[in-house]
Amino acid sequence: MTSNVTSTETSGGVLEERRSSPGLLLALLGQEAMRRLREAHTAHNLKPRQFQLLGLLHDHGPMGQRELGQTMGVDPSILVTLLNPLEGDGFVSRERAPEDRRRHVVTLTAAGQRHFDSATRAQREAEHALFAGLDDDQRQQLRSALVALRDNLARGREDACPPPEATEAR
């Protein structure tokens, strides 16, 4: 029986190529980064999405619950499961908007700000450990490359699935 296996495949070349494949490396490193960041958040009794939620409130101030969910890209029912424990712990408050009683405004409390600051320090420590082998220039190059990749992928999604009004105008 004849084999179609090339010498590159039998000498470990394919496996080596897969170990150095940018996509595979990014996926594997992404898993490790997520594990470490999740540990930092979990140590503060937060899920990564709850950390994101607190960060949005920190950066933008009080937000309508619907706007918060849209900004995060989560379904309203998921948002409620993220908000309820944060509200129970006193990290956020939800109140009806005086101008529109149907609208709920979510606000970061002082306790929530302190908790977010602590979790942010833990996240920064985890990131520092992740990138300890890189000097400042390498970190900046990595950040620039990742931002370019993210932006390119975002453009690809927009091109692949244009909004309905764009397709109707054709």
C-alpha atoms as a PDB file:
ATOM      1  CA  MET A   1       0.000   0.000   0.000  1.00  0.00           C
ATOM      2  CA  THR A   2       1.410   3.430  -0.929  1.00  0.00           C
ATOM      3  CA  SER A   3       1.342   6.299   1.481  1.00  0.00           C
ATOM      4  CA  ASN A   4       0.698   9.891   0.455  1.00  0.00           C
ATOM      5  CA  VAL A   5       2.333  11.264   3.617  1.00  0.00           C
ATOM      6  CA  THR A   6       5.082  13.740   2.788  1.00  0.00           C
ATOM      7  CA  SER A   7       8.384  13.934   4.620  1.00  0.00           C
ATOM      8  CA  THR A   8       7.325  17.265   6.144  1.00  0.00           C
ATOM      9  CA  GLU A   9       4.288  15.625   7.737  1.00  0.00           C
ATOM     10  CA  THR A  10       6.267  12.715   9.119  1.00  0.00           C
ATOM     11  CA  SER A  11       9.146  14.825  10.440  1.00  0.00           C
ATOM     12  CA  GLY A  12       6.841  16.845  12.680  1.00  0.00           C
ATOM     13  CA  GLY A  13       6.683  19.803  10.292  1.00  0.00           C
ATOM     14  CA  VAL A  14       2.893  19.975  10.334  1.00  0.00           C
ATOM     15  CA  LEU A  15       2.792  19.821  14.117  1.00  0.00           C
ATOM     16  CA  GLU A  16       5.511  22.473  14.348  1.00  0.00           C
ATOM     17  CA  GLU A  17       3.649  24.644  11.847  1.00  0.00           C
ATOM     18  CA  ARG A  18       0.500  24.332  13.942  1.00  0.00           C
ATOM     19  CA  ARG A  19       2.419  25.317  17.093  1.00  0.00           C
ATOM     20  CA  SER A  20       3.636  28.476  15.365  1.00  0.00           C
ATOM     21  CA  SER A  21       0.421  29.255  13.467  1.00  0.00           C
ATOM     22  CA  PRO A  22      -0.637  32.812  14.429  1.00  0.00           C
ATOM     23  CA  GLY A  23      -4.311  31.846  14.625  1.00  0.00           C
ATOM     24  CA  LEU A  24      -3.696  28.805  16.781  1.00  0.00           C
ATOM     25  CA  LEU A  25      -1.250  30.682  19.004  1.00  0.00           C
ATOM     26  CA  LEU A  26      -3.765  33.485  19.439  1.00  0.00           C
ATOM     27  CA  ALA A  27      -6.493  30.989  20.367  1.00  0.00           C
ATOM     28  CA  LEU A  28      -4.313  29.112  22.854  1.00  0.00           C
ATOM     29  CA  LEU A  29      -2.905  32.281  24.409  1.00  0.00           C
ATOM     30  CA  GLY A  30      -6.412  33.721  24.520  1.00  0.00           C
ATOM     31  CA  GLN A  31      -7.587  30.733  26.544  1.00  0.00           C
ATOM     32  CA  GLU A  32      -4.735  31.221  29.019  1.00  0.00           C
ATOM     33  CA  ALA A  33      -5.352  34.970  29.229  1.00  0.00           C
ATOM     34  CA  MET A  34      -9.066  34.377  29.837  1.00  0.00           C
ATOM     35  CA  ARG A  35      -8.303  31.812  32.541  1.00  0.00           C
ATOM     36  CA  ARG A  36      -6.016  34.223  34.379  1.00  0.00           C
ATOM     37  CA  LEU A  37      -8.334  37.200  34.058  1.00  0.00           C
ATOM     38  CA  ARG A  38     -11.316  35.094  35.104  1.00  0.00           C
ATOM     39  CA  GLU A  39      -9.357  34.048  38.217  1.00  0.00           C
ATOM     40  CA  ALA A  40      -8.682  37.707  39.032  1.00  0.00           C
ATOM     41  CA  HIS A  41     -12.376  38.543  38.627  1.00  0.00           C
ATOM     42  CA  THR A  42     -13.567  35.449  40.484  1.00  0.00           C
ATOM     43  CA  ALA A  43     -11.316  36.370  43.413  1.00  0.00           C
ATOM     44  CA  HIS A  44     -13.485  39.493  43.617  1.00  0.00           C
ATOM     45  CA  ASN A  45     -16.715  37.525  43.223  1.00  0.00           C
ATOM     46  CA  LEU A  46     -17.266  38.902  39.718  1.00  0.00           C
ATOM     47  CA  LYS A  47     -17.868  37.299  36.356  1.00  0.00           C
ATOM     48  CA  PRO A  48     -15.953  38.893  33.463  1.00  0.00           C
ATOM     49  CA  ARG A  49     -19.225  40.386  32.149  1.00  0.00           C
ATOM     50  CA  GLN A  50     -19.970  41.886  35.563  1.00  0.00           C
ATOM     51  CA  PHE A  51     -16.507  43.451  35.567  1.00  0.00           C
ATOM     52  CA  GLN A  52     -17.289  44.885  32.115  1.00  0.00           C
ATOM     53  CA  LEU A  53     -20.633  46.192  33.385  1.00  0.00           C
ATOM     54  CA  LEU A  54     -19.025  47.935  36.369  1.00  0.00           C
ATOM     55  CA  GLY A  55     -16.387  49.357  34.032  1.00  0.00           C
ATOM     56  CA  LEU A  56     -19.015  50.816  31.713  1.00  0.00           C
ATOM     57  CA  LEU A  57     -20.768  52.491  34.642  1.00  0.00           C
ATOM     58  CA  HIS A  58     -17.403  53.741  35.927  1.00  0.00           C
ATOM     59  CA  ASP A  59     -16.465  55.205  32.533  1.00  0.00           C
ATOM     60  CA  HIS A  60     -19.867  56.529  31.387  1.00  0.00           C
ATOM     61  CA  GLY A  61     -21.773  57.190  34.602  1.00  0.00           C
ATOM     62  CA  PRO A  62     -25.379  56.082  35.140  1.00  0.00           C
ATOM     63  CA  MET A  63     -26.928  54.328  32.151  1.00  0.00           C
ATOM     64  CA  GLY A  64     -30.366  53.134  31.210  1.00  0.00           C
ATOM     65  CA  GLN A  65     -30.688  49.385  31.642  1.00  0.00           C
ATOM     66  CA  ARG A  66     -31.603  48.880  27.978  1.00  0.00           C
ATOM     67  CA  GLU A  67     -28.665  51.050  26.825  1.00  0.00           C
ATOM     68  CA  LEU A  68     -26.315  49.130  29.125  1.00  0.00           C
ATOM     69  CA  GLY A  69     -27.431  45.793  27.659  1.00  0.00           C
ATOM     70  CA  GLN A  70     -27.086  47.063  24.094  1.00  0.00           C
ATOM     71  CA  THR A  71     -23.608  48.451  24.786  1.00  0.00           C
ATOM     72  CA  MET A  72     -22.554  45.105  26.241  1.00  0.00           C
ATOM     73  CA  GLY A  73     -24.265  43.158  23.480  1.00  0.00           C
ATOM     74  CA  VAL A  74     -26.280  41.002  25.889  1.00  0.00           C
ATOM     75  CA  ASP A  75     -29.911  39.994  25.921  1.00  0.00           C
ATOM     76  CA  PRO A  76     -32.048  41.828  28.533  1.00  0.00           C
ATOM     77  CA  SER A  77     -32.667  38.581  30.448  1.00  0.00           C
ATOM     78  CA  ILE A  78     -28.907  37.943  30.692  1.00  0.00           C
ATOM     79  CA  LEU A  79     -28.324  41.513  31.827  1.00  0.00           C
ATOM     80  CA  VAL A  80     -30.777  41.006  34.684  1.00  0.00           C
ATOM     81  CA  THR A  81     -28.873  37.904  35.842  1.00  0.00           C
ATOM     82  CA  LEU A  82     -25.685  40.013  35.866  1.00  0.00           C
ATOM     83  CA  LEU A  83     -27.283  42.974  37.641  1.00  0.00           C
ATOM     84  CA  ASN A  84     -29.226  41.175  40.378  1.00  0.00           C
ATOM     85  CA  PRO A  85     -26.194  39.950  42.389  1.00  0.00           C
ATOM     86  CA  LEU A  86     -24.396  43.273  41.900  1.00  0.00           C
ATOM     87  CA  GLU A  87     -27.423  45.091  43.228  1.00  0.00           C
ATOM     88  CA  GLY A  88     -27.748  42.588  46.085  1.00  0.00           C
ATOM     89  CA  ASP A  89     -24.120  43.237  47.059  1.00  0.00           C
ATOM     90  CA  GLY A  90     -24.734  46.999  46.968  1.00  0.00           C
ATOM     91  CA  PHE A  91     -22.390  47.610  44.002  1.00  0.00           C
ATOM     92  CA  VAL A  92     -25.067  49.063  41.717  1.00  0.00           C
ATOM     93  CA  SER A  93     -28.479  50.601  42.204  1.00  0.00           C
ATOM     94  CA  ARG A  94     -31.424  50.540  39.822  1.00  0.00           C
ATOM     95  CA  GLU A  95     -34.034  53.242  39.957  1.00  0.00           C
ATOM     96  CA  ARG A  96     -36.855  54.260  37.695  1.00  0.00           C
ATOM     97  CA  ALA A  97     -36.111  57.355  35.635  1.00  0.00           C
ATOM     98  CA  PRO A  98     -38.294  60.248  36.834  1.00  0.00           C
ATOM     99  CA  GLU A  99     -38.984  61.385  33.237  1.00  0.00           C
ATOM    100  CA  ASP A 100     -39.967  57.871  32.083  1.00  0.00           C
ATOM    101  CA  ARG A 101     -41.114  55.457  34.792  1.00  0.00           C
ATOM    102  CA  ARG A 102     -40.736  52.502  32.376  1.00  0.00           C
ATOM    103  CA  ARG A 103     -36.975  53.123  32.120  1.00  0.00           C
ATOM    104  CA  HIS A 104     -34.530  51.850  34.762  1.00  0.00           C
ATOM    105  CA  VAL A 105     -31.282  53.730  35.359  1.00  0.00           C
ATOM    106  CA  VAL A 106     -28.313  51.732  36.670  1.00  0.00           C
ATOM    107  CA  THR A 107     -25.765  53.581  38.814  1.00  0.00           C
ATOM    108  CA  LEU A 108     -22.425  52.486  40.251  1.00  0.00           C
ATOM    109  CA  THR A 109     -22.494  52.960  44.035  1.00  0.00           C
ATOM    110  CA  ALA A 110     -19.539  54.063  46.189  1.00  0.00           C
ATOM    111  CA  ALA A 111     -19.139  50.444  47.357  1.00  0.00           C
ATOM    112  CA  GLY A 112     -19.257  49.339  43.731  1.00  0.00           C
ATOM    113  CA  GLN A 113     -16.561  51.874  42.831  1.00  0.00           C
ATOM    114  CA  ARG A 114     -14.269  50.554  45.593  1.00  0.00           C
ATOM    115  CA  HIS A 115     -14.923  46.959  44.541  1.00  0.00           C
ATOM    116  CA  PHE A 116     -14.290  47.788  40.878  1.00  0.00           C
ATOM    117  CA  ASP A 117     -11.030  49.564  41.771  1.00  0.00           C
ATOM    118  CA  SER A 118      -9.852  46.485  43.680  1.00  0.00           C
ATOM    119  CA  ALA A 119     -10.833  44.130  40.850  1.00  0.00           C
ATOM    120  CA  THR A 120      -9.109  46.441  38.355  1.00  0.00           C
ATOM    121  CA  ARG A 121      -5.861  46.218  40.343  1.00  0.00           C
ATOM    122  CA  ALA A 122      -6.150  42.413  40.343  1.00  0.00           C
ATOM    123  CA  GLN A 123      -6.772  42.392  36.584  1.00  0.00           C
ATOM    124  CA  ARG A 124      -3.742  44.622  35.981  1.00  0.00           C
ATOM    125  CA  GLU A 125      -1.585  42.290  38.079  1.00  0.00           C
ATOM    126  CA  ALA A 126      -2.793  39.302  36.035  1.00  0.00           C
ATOM    127  CA  GLU A 127      -2.043  41.167  32.793  1.00  0.00           C
ATOM    128  CA  HIS A 128       1.394  42.160  34.088  1.00  0.00           C
ATOM    129  CA  ALA A 129       2.159  38.481  34.783  1.00  0.00           C
ATOM    130  CA  LEU A 130       0.880  37.522  31.311  1.00  0.00           C
ATOM    131  CA  PHE A 131       3.161  39.994  29.571  1.00  0.00           C
ATOM    132  CA  ALA A 132       6.136  39.817  31.940  1.00  0.00           C
ATOM    133  CA  GLY A 133       8.357  38.428  29.166  1.00  0.00           C
ATOM    134  CA  LEU A 134       7.782  41.460  26.931  1.00  0.00           C
ATOM    135  CA  ASP A 135       9.476  44.838  27.172  1.00  0.00           C
ATOM    136  CA  ASP A 136       7.471  48.067  26.776  1.00  0.00           C
ATOM    137  CA  ASP A 137       8.096  48.294  23.022  1.00  0.00           C
ATOM    138  CA  GLN A 138       6.963  44.697  22.483  1.00  0.00           C
ATOM    139  CA  ARG A 139       3.838  45.301  24.558  1.00  0.00           C
ATOM    140  CA  GLN A 140       2.998  48.360  22.457  1.00  0.00           C
ATOM    141  CA  GLN A 141       3.595  46.435  19.226  1.00  0.00           C
ATOM    142  CA  LEU A 142       1.368  43.605  20.453  1.00  0.00           C
ATOM    143  CA  ARG A 143      -1.359  46.051  21.489  1.00  0.00           C
ATOM    144  CA  SER A 144      -1.189  47.774  18.075  1.00  0.00           C
ATOM    145  CA  ALA A 145      -1.321  44.469  16.202  1.00  0.00           C
ATOM    146  CA  LEU A 146      -4.276  43.224  18.265  1.00  0.00           C
ATOM    147  CA  VAL A 147      -6.208  46.473  17.783  1.00  0.00           C
ATOM    148  CA  ALA A 148      -5.579  46.320  14.019  1.00  0.00           C
ATOM    149  CA  LEU A 149      -6.741  42.690  13.946  1.00  0.00           C
ATOM    150  CA  ARG A 150      -9.862  43.524  15.985  1.00  0.00           C
ATOM    151  CA  ASP A 151     -10.723  46.477  13.762  1.00  0.00           C
ATOM    152  CA  ASN A 152     -10.185  44.433  10.601  1.00  0.00           C
ATOM    153  CA  LEU A 153     -12.416  41.633  11.875  1.00  0.00           C
ATOM    154  CA  ALA A 154     -15.095  44.148  12.862  1.00  0.00           C
ATOM    155  CA  ARG A 155     -15.032  45.610   9.344  1.00  0.00           C
ATOM    156  CA  GLY A 156     -15.333  42.092   7.937  1.00  0.00           C
ATOM    157  CA  ARG A 157     -18.471  41.468   9.990  1.00  0.00           C
ATOM    158  CA  GLU A 158     -20.000  44.730   8.791  1.00  0.00           C
ATOM    159  CA  ASP A 159     -19.231  43.859   5.158  1.00  0.00           C
ATOM    160  CA  ALA A 160     -20.580  40.321   5.534  1.00  0.00           C
ATOM    161  CA  CYS A 161     -23.858  41.390   7.109  1.00  0.00           C
ATOM    162  CA  PRO A 162     -24.844  44.947   6.145  1.00  0.00           C
ATOM    163  CA  PRO A 163     -27.703  46.546   8.076  1.00  0.00           C
ATOM    164  CA  PRO A 164     -31.166  46.032   6.542  1.00  0.00           C
ATOM    165  CA  GLU A 165     -31.481  49.646   5.364  1.00  0.00           C
ATOM    166  CA  ALA A 166     -28.235  49.302   3.368  1.00  0.00           C
ATOM    167  CA  THR A 167     -29.524  46.251   1.504  1.00  0.00           C
ATOM    168  CA  GLU A 168     -32.945  47.828   0.855  1.00  0.00           C
ATOM    169  CA  ALA A 169     -31.389  50.894  -0.786  1.00  0.00           C
ATOM    170  CA  ARG A 170     -29.685  48.791  -3.482  1.00  0.00           C
END
